[in-house]
Amino acid sequence: MTGKGWFPPEGDVHVRIWLAGVVFDYRATAAAVRNLIHDWRRKHWCTIELIRDAIDAHRLLPRLPCEQLFLGP
């Protein structure tokens, strides 16, 4: 998975997580999503999609649960 072509350096990102056939759509800071993907690469525990949509479309999404955990080291 690579998002270098369009992944924003900051701001919020729309992330879709597939877990046991259930879809969860969230918004999270770009930094948290980078760390989430880094963790995911070590052990694939779900499927992750980065959704490229208009900024207004993901403002209504809930924040990624425990997003602060992915902002630490």
PDB file of N, CA and C in Angstrom:
ATOM      1  N   MET A   1       0.846  -1.166   0.000  1.00  0.00           N
ATOM      2  CA  MET A   1       0.000   0.000   0.000  1.00  0.00           C
ATOM      3  C   MET A   1       0.892   1.230   0.000  1.00  0.00           C
ATOM      4  N   THR A   2       0.595   2.115  -0.883  1.00  0.00           N
ATOM      5  CA  THR A   2       1.349   3.367  -0.916  1.00  0.00           C
ATOM      6  C   THR A   2       0.402   4.515  -1.187  1.00  0.00           C
ATOM      7  N   GLY A   3       0.600   5.593  -0.509  1.00  0.00           N
ATOM      8  CA  GLY A   3      -0.227   6.769  -0.701  1.00  0.00           C
ATOM      9  C   GLY A   3       0.607   7.994  -0.967  1.00  0.00           C
ATOM     10  N   LYS A   4       1.860   7.784  -1.366  1.00  0.00           N
ATOM     11  CA  LYS A   4       2.773   8.915  -1.519  1.00  0.00           C
ATOM     12  C   LYS A   4       2.316   9.893  -2.587  1.00  0.00           C
ATOM     13  N   GLY A   5       1.567   9.423  -3.582  1.00  0.00           N
ATOM     14  CA  GLY A   5       1.140  10.295  -4.658  1.00  0.00           C
ATOM     15  C   GLY A   5       0.104  11.318  -4.246  1.00  0.00           C
ATOM     16  N   TRP A   6      -0.763  10.970  -3.299  1.00  0.00           N
ATOM     17  CA  TRP A   6      -1.833  11.907  -2.938  1.00  0.00           C
ATOM     18  C   TRP A   6      -2.037  12.051  -1.443  1.00  0.00           C
ATOM     19  N   PHE A   7      -1.376  11.263  -0.644  1.00  0.00           N
ATOM     20  CA  PHE A   7      -1.575  11.303   0.800  1.00  0.00           C
ATOM     21  C   PHE A   7      -1.156  12.653   1.355  1.00  0.00           C
ATOM     22  N   PRO A   8      -2.059  13.355   2.040  1.00  0.00           N
ATOM     23  CA  PRO A   8      -1.724  14.699   2.523  1.00  0.00           C
ATOM     24  C   PRO A   8      -0.713  14.645   3.676  1.00  0.00           C
ATOM     25  N   PRO A   9       0.178  15.615   3.760  1.00  0.00           N
ATOM     26  CA  PRO A   9       1.162  15.633   4.840  1.00  0.00           C
ATOM     27  C   PRO A   9       0.540  15.956   6.199  1.00  0.00           C
ATOM     28  N   GLU A  10      -0.609  16.608   6.196  1.00  0.00           N
ATOM     29  CA  GLU A  10      -1.300  16.953   7.443  1.00  0.00           C
ATOM     30  C   GLU A  10      -2.788  17.054   7.175  1.00  0.00           C
ATOM     31  N   GLY A  11      -3.541  17.295   8.228  1.00  0.00           N
ATOM     32  CA  GLY A  11      -4.991  17.386   8.087  1.00  0.00           C
ATOM     33  C   GLY A  11      -5.640  16.034   8.318  1.00  0.00           C
ATOM     34  N   ASP A  12      -6.916  15.935   7.995  1.00  0.00           N
ATOM     35  CA  ASP A  12      -7.671  14.709   8.210  1.00  0.00           C
ATOM     36  C   ASP A  12      -7.744  13.869   6.946  1.00  0.00           C
ATOM     37  N   VAL A  13      -7.866  12.561   7.159  1.00  0.00           N
ATOM     38  CA  VAL A  13      -7.937  11.581   6.079  1.00  0.00           C
ATOM     39  C   VAL A  13      -9.143  10.693   6.348  1.00  0.00           C
ATOM     40  N   HIS A  14      -9.808  10.254   5.292  1.00  0.00           N
ATOM     41  CA  HIS A  14     -10.909   9.303   5.396  1.00  0.00           C
ATOM     42  C   HIS A  14     -10.298   7.908   5.299  1.00  0.00           C
ATOM     43  N   VAL A  15     -10.440   7.125   6.351  1.00  0.00           N
ATOM     44  CA  VAL A  15      -9.901   5.767   6.384  1.00  0.00           C
ATOM     45  C   VAL A  15     -11.058   4.791   6.571  1.00  0.00           C
ATOM     46  N   ARG A  16     -11.042   3.725   5.758  1.00  0.00           N
ATOM     47  CA  ARG A  16     -12.064   2.679   5.852  1.00  0.00           C
ATOM     48  C   ARG A  16     -11.377   1.414   6.336  1.00  0.00           C
ATOM     49  N   ILE A  17     -11.921   0.835   7.393  1.00  0.00           N
ATOM     50  CA  ILE A  17     -11.360  -0.376   7.977  1.00  0.00           C
ATOM     51  C   ILE A  17     -12.383  -1.497   7.837  1.00  0.00           C
ATOM     52  N   TRP A  18     -11.935  -2.603   7.248  1.00  0.00           N
ATOM     53  CA  TRP A  18     -12.750  -3.804   7.103  1.00  0.00           C
ATOM     54  C   TRP A  18     -12.287  -4.789   8.162  1.00  0.00           C
ATOM     55  N   LEU A  19     -13.173  -5.199   9.033  1.00  0.00           N
ATOM     56  CA  LEU A  19     -12.831  -6.130  10.099  1.00  0.00           C
ATOM     57  C   LEU A  19     -13.919  -7.197  10.165  1.00  0.00           C
ATOM     58  N   ALA A  20     -13.554  -8.432   9.879  1.00  0.00           N
ATOM     59  CA  ALA A  20     -14.486  -9.570   9.898  1.00  0.00           C
ATOM     60  C   ALA A  20     -15.723  -9.304   9.035  1.00  0.00           C
ATOM     61  N   GLY A  21     -15.515  -8.708   7.861  1.00  0.00           N
ATOM     62  CA  GLY A  21     -16.602  -8.461   6.931  1.00  0.00           C
ATOM     63  C   GLY A  21     -17.457  -7.246   7.235  1.00  0.00           C
ATOM     64  N   VAL A  22     -17.104  -6.492   8.253  1.00  0.00           N
ATOM     65  CA  VAL A  22     -17.855  -5.285   8.628  1.00  0.00           C
ATOM     66  C   VAL A  22     -17.010  -4.065   8.273  1.00  0.00           C
ATOM     67  N   VAL A  23     -17.659  -3.054   7.702  1.00  0.00           N
ATOM     68  CA  VAL A  23     -16.969  -1.846   7.255  1.00  0.00           C
ATOM     69  C   VAL A  23     -17.142  -0.734   8.287  1.00  0.00           C
ATOM     70  N   PHE A  24     -16.021  -0.066   8.599  1.00  0.00           N
ATOM     71  CA  PHE A  24     -16.034   1.086   9.505  1.00  0.00           C
ATOM     72  C   PHE A  24     -15.367   2.254   8.789  1.00  0.00           C
ATOM     73  N   ASP A  25     -16.064   3.377   8.673  1.00  0.00           N
ATOM     74  CA  ASP A  25     -15.519   4.584   8.060  1.00  0.00           C
ATOM     75  C   ASP A  25     -15.234   5.606   9.144  1.00  0.00           C
ATOM     76  N   TYR A  26     -14.007   6.133   9.121  1.00  0.00           N
ATOM     77  CA  TYR A  26     -13.585   7.110  10.118  1.00  0.00           C
ATOM     78  C   TYR A  26     -12.784   8.220   9.457  1.00  0.00           C
ATOM     79  N   ARG A  27     -12.615   9.282  10.201  1.00  0.00           N
ATOM     80  CA  ARG A  27     -11.636  10.299   9.817  1.00  0.00           C
ATOM     81  C   ARG A  27     -10.595  10.331  10.921  1.00  0.00           C
ATOM     82  N   ALA A  28      -9.379  10.621  10.526  1.00  0.00           N
ATOM     83  CA  ALA A  28      -8.271  10.677  11.479  1.00  0.00           C
ATOM     84  C   ALA A  28      -7.200  11.583  10.900  1.00  0.00           C
ATOM     85  N   THR A  29      -6.317  12.046  11.759  1.00  0.00           N
ATOM     86  CA  THR A  29      -5.213  12.874  11.257  1.00  0.00           C
ATOM     87  C   THR A  29      -4.315  12.021  10.370  1.00  0.00           C
ATOM     88  N   ALA A  30      -3.675  12.670   9.420  1.00  0.00           N
ATOM     89  CA  ALA A  30      -2.769  11.970   8.507  1.00  0.00           C
ATOM     90  C   ALA A  30      -1.657  11.266   9.287  1.00  0.00           C
ATOM     91  N   ALA A  31      -1.169  11.898  10.332  1.00  0.00           N
ATOM     92  CA  ALA A  31      -0.097  11.288  11.134  1.00  0.00           C
ATOM     93  C   ALA A  31      -0.582  10.008  11.808  1.00  0.00           C
ATOM     94  N   ALA A  32      -1.786  10.014  12.350  1.00  0.00           N
ATOM     95  CA  ALA A  32      -2.324   8.816  12.996  1.00  0.00           C
ATOM     96  C   ALA A  32      -2.520   7.689  11.989  1.00  0.00           C
ATOM     97  N   VAL A  33      -2.982   8.021  10.793  1.00  0.00           N
ATOM     98  CA  VAL A  33      -3.188   6.999   9.765  1.00  0.00           C
ATOM     99  C   VAL A  33      -1.848   6.421   9.306  1.00  0.00           C
ATOM    100  N   ARG A  34      -0.831   7.260   9.184  1.00  0.00           N
ATOM    101  CA  ARG A  34       0.505   6.744   8.837  1.00  0.00           C
ATOM    102  C   ARG A  34       0.983   5.729   9.874  1.00  0.00           C
ATOM    103  N   ASN A  35       0.808   6.048  11.152  1.00  0.00           N
ATOM    104  CA  ASN A  35       1.221   5.131  12.216  1.00  0.00           C
ATOM    105  C   ASN A  35       0.347   3.873  12.242  1.00  0.00           C
ATOM    106  N   LEU A  36      -0.940   4.019  11.969  1.00  0.00           N
ATOM    107  CA  LEU A  36      -1.829   2.876  11.879  1.00  0.00           C
ATOM    108  C   LEU A  36      -1.362   1.926  10.776  1.00  0.00           C
ATOM    109  N   ILE A  37      -1.029   2.475   9.625  1.00  0.00           N
ATOM    110  CA  ILE A  37      -0.554   1.662   8.499  1.00  0.00           C
ATOM    111  C   ILE A  37       0.780   1.014   8.838  1.00  0.00           C
ATOM    112  N   HIS A  38       1.647   1.738   9.516  1.00  0.00           N
ATOM    113  CA  HIS A  38       2.929   1.165   9.943  1.00  0.00           C
ATOM    114  C   HIS A  38       2.694  -0.044  10.851  1.00  0.00           C
ATOM    115  N   ASP A  39       1.771   0.085  11.794  1.00  0.00           N
ATOM    116  CA  ASP A  39       1.424  -1.020  12.685  1.00  0.00           C
ATOM    117  C   ASP A  39       0.791  -2.167  11.896  1.00  0.00           C
ATOM    118  N   TRP A  40      -0.073  -1.843  10.973  1.00  0.00           N
ATOM    119  CA  TRP A  40      -0.762  -2.827  10.154  1.00  0.00           C
ATOM    120  C   TRP A  40       0.218  -3.640   9.303  1.00  0.00           C
ATOM    121  N   ARG A  41       1.266  -3.014   8.818  1.00  0.00           N
ATOM    122  CA  ARG A  41       2.249  -3.723   7.996  1.00  0.00           C
ATOM    123  C   ARG A  41       2.978  -4.812   8.774  1.00  0.00           C
ATOM    124  N   ARG A  42       3.111  -4.636  10.075  1.00  0.00           N
ATOM    125  CA  ARG A  42       3.754  -5.664  10.899  1.00  0.00           C
ATOM    126  C   ARG A  42       2.856  -6.875  11.080  1.00  0.00           C
ATOM    127  N   LYS A  43       1.557  -6.650  11.204  1.00  0.00           N
ATOM    128  CA  LYS A  43       0.600  -7.743  11.355  1.00  0.00           C
ATOM    129  C   LYS A  43      -0.726  -7.308  10.744  1.00  0.00           C
ATOM    130  N   HIS A  44      -1.110  -7.950   9.661  1.00  0.00           N
ATOM    131  CA  HIS A  44      -2.342  -7.600   8.950  1.00  0.00           C
ATOM    132  C   HIS A  44      -3.540  -8.130   9.719  1.00  0.00           C
ATOM    133  N   TRP A  45      -4.121  -7.301  10.552  1.00  0.00           N
ATOM    134  CA  TRP A  45      -5.242  -7.705  11.396  1.00  0.00           C
ATOM    135  C   TRP A  45      -6.582  -7.241  10.839  1.00  0.00           C
ATOM    136  N   CYS A  46      -6.550  -6.505   9.738  1.00  0.00           N
ATOM    137  CA  CYS A  46      -7.765  -6.025   9.088  1.00  0.00           C
ATOM    138  C   CYS A  46      -7.380  -5.580   7.681  1.00  0.00           C
ATOM    139  N   THR A  47      -8.349  -5.078   6.938  1.00  0.00           N
ATOM    140  CA  THR A  47      -8.078  -4.474   5.641  1.00  0.00           C
ATOM    141  C   THR A  47      -8.309  -2.977   5.787  1.00  0.00           C
ATOM    142  N   ILE A  48      -7.373  -2.188   5.249  1.00  0.00           N
ATOM    143  CA  ILE A  48      -7.459  -0.729   5.368  1.00  0.00           C
ATOM    144  C   ILE A  48      -7.530  -0.115   3.980  1.00  0.00           C
ATOM    145  N   GLU A  49      -8.436   0.831   3.799  1.00  0.00           N
ATOM    146  CA  GLU A  49      -8.534   1.605   2.567  1.00  0.00           C
ATOM    147  C   GLU A  49      -8.408   3.080   2.918  1.00  0.00           C
ATOM    148  N   LEU A  50      -7.691   3.799   2.103  1.00  0.00           N
ATOM    149  CA  LEU A  50      -7.658   5.261   2.208  1.00  0.00           C
ATOM    150  C   LEU A  50      -8.585   5.784   1.125  1.00  0.00           C
ATOM    151  N   ILE A  51      -9.569   6.546   1.524  1.00  0.00           N
ATOM    152  CA  ILE A  51     -10.576   7.034   0.593  1.00  0.00           C
ATOM    153  C   ILE A  51     -10.238   8.466   0.214  1.00  0.00           C
ATOM    154  N   ARG A  52     -10.114   8.664  -1.057  1.00  0.00           N
ATOM    155  CA  ARG A  52      -9.832  10.018  -1.556  1.00  0.00           C
ATOM    156  C   ARG A  52     -11.159  10.628  -1.984  1.00  0.00           C
ATOM    157  N   ASP A  53     -11.676  11.511  -1.157  1.00  0.00           N
ATOM    158  CA  ASP A  53     -12.948  12.169  -1.449  1.00  0.00           C
ATOM    159  C   ASP A  53     -12.848  13.644  -1.085  1.00  0.00           C
ATOM    160  N   ALA A  54     -13.914  14.341  -1.330  1.00  0.00           N
ATOM    161  CA  ALA A  54     -13.937  15.765  -1.005  1.00  0.00           C
ATOM    162  C   ALA A  54     -13.838  15.949   0.503  1.00  0.00           C
ATOM    163  N   ILE A  55     -13.195  17.008   0.924  1.00  0.00           N
ATOM    164  CA  ILE A  55     -12.989  17.264   2.358  1.00  0.00           C
ATOM    165  C   ILE A  55     -14.312  17.357   3.104  1.00  0.00           C
ATOM    166  N   ASP A  56     -15.344  17.908   2.482  1.00  0.00           N
ATOM    167  CA  ASP A  56     -16.641  18.040   3.142  1.00  0.00           C
ATOM    168  C   ASP A  56     -17.282  16.684   3.390  1.00  0.00           C
ATOM    169  N   ALA A  57     -16.981  15.714   2.548  1.00  0.00           N
ATOM    170  CA  ALA A  57     -17.609  14.392   2.676  1.00  0.00           C
ATOM    171  C   ALA A  57     -17.168  13.683   3.952  1.00  0.00           C
ATOM    172  N   HIS A  58     -15.925  13.857   4.386  1.00  0.00           N
ATOM    173  CA  HIS A  58     -15.489  13.120   5.569  1.00  0.00           C
ATOM    174  C   HIS A  58     -15.567  13.917   6.869  1.00  0.00           C
ATOM    175  N   ARG A  59     -16.017  15.145   6.800  1.00  0.00           N
ATOM    176  CA  ARG A  59     -16.174  15.931   8.036  1.00  0.00           C
ATOM    177  C   ARG A  59     -17.260  15.377   8.942  1.00  0.00           C
ATOM    178  N   LEU A  60     -18.217  14.684   8.375  1.00  0.00           N
ATOM    179  CA  LEU A  60     -19.319  14.131   9.162  1.00  0.00           C
ATOM    180  C   LEU A  60     -18.994  12.761   9.744  1.00  0.00           C
ATOM    181  N   LEU A  61     -17.881  12.171   9.343  1.00  0.00           N
ATOM    182  CA  LEU A  61     -17.509  10.854   9.847  1.00  0.00           C
ATOM    183  C   LEU A  61     -17.031  10.942  11.293  1.00  0.00           C
ATOM    184  N   PRO A  62     -17.249   9.871  12.059  1.00  0.00           N
ATOM    185  CA  PRO A  62     -16.719   9.863  13.429  1.00  0.00           C
ATOM    186  C   PRO A  62     -15.194   9.764  13.404  1.00  0.00           C
ATOM    187  N   ARG A  63     -14.567  10.229  14.449  1.00  0.00           N
ATOM    188  CA  ARG A  63     -13.104  10.136  14.566  1.00  0.00           C
ATOM    189  C   ARG A  63     -12.724   8.684  14.825  1.00  0.00           C
ATOM    190  N   LEU A  64     -11.540   8.316  14.394  1.00  0.00           N
ATOM    191  CA  LEU A  64     -11.004   6.983  14.638  1.00  0.00           C
ATOM    192  C   LEU A  64     -10.930   6.753  16.144  1.00  0.00           C
ATOM    193  N   PRO A  65     -11.552   5.674  16.652  1.00  0.00           N
ATOM    194  CA  PRO A  65     -11.472   5.404  18.088  1.00  0.00           C
ATOM    195  C   PRO A  65     -10.020   5.251  18.532  1.00  0.00           C
ATOM    196  N   CYS A  66      -9.701   5.789  19.654  1.00  0.00           N
ATOM    197  CA  CYS A  66      -8.338   5.718  20.217  1.00  0.00           C
ATOM    198  C   CYS A  66      -7.302   6.312  19.272  1.00  0.00           C
ATOM    199  N   GLU A  67      -7.693   7.309  18.502  1.00  0.00           N
ATOM    200  CA  GLU A  67      -6.788   7.952  17.546  1.00  0.00           C
ATOM    201  C   GLU A  67      -5.507   8.456  18.230  1.00  0.00           C
ATOM    202  N   GLN A  68      -5.634   8.918  19.444  1.00  0.00           N
ATOM    203  CA  GLN A  68      -4.460   9.427  20.171  1.00  0.00           C
ATOM    204  C   GLN A  68      -3.383   8.372  20.350  1.00  0.00           C
ATOM    205  N   LEU A  69      -3.777   7.105  20.446  1.00  0.00           N
ATOM    206  CA  LEU A  69      -2.793   6.030  20.592  1.00  0.00           C
ATOM    207  C   LEU A  69      -1.882   5.930  19.367  1.00  0.00           C
ATOM    208  N   PHE A  70      -2.391   6.293  18.194  1.00  0.00           N
ATOM    209  CA  PHE A  70      -1.607   6.212  16.964  1.00  0.00           C
ATOM    210  C   PHE A  70      -0.801   7.482  16.715  1.00  0.00           C
ATOM    211  N   LEU A  71      -0.913   8.456  17.596  1.00  0.00           N
ATOM    212  CA  LEU A  71      -0.123   9.676  17.451  1.00  0.00           C
ATOM    213  C   LEU A  71       1.157   9.639  18.275  1.00  0.00           C
ATOM    214  N   GLY A  72       1.257   8.648  19.156  1.00  0.00           N
ATOM    215  CA  GLY A  72       2.462   8.507  19.986  1.00  0.00           C
ATOM    216  C   GLY A  72       3.546   7.729  19.270  1.00  0.00           C
ATOM    217  N   PRO A  73       4.671   7.526  19.947  1.00  0.00           N
ATOM    218  CA  PRO A  73       5.789   6.791  19.323  1.00  0.00           C
ATOM    219  C   PRO A  73       5.495   5.327  19.100  1.00  0.00           C
TER     220      PRO A  73
END
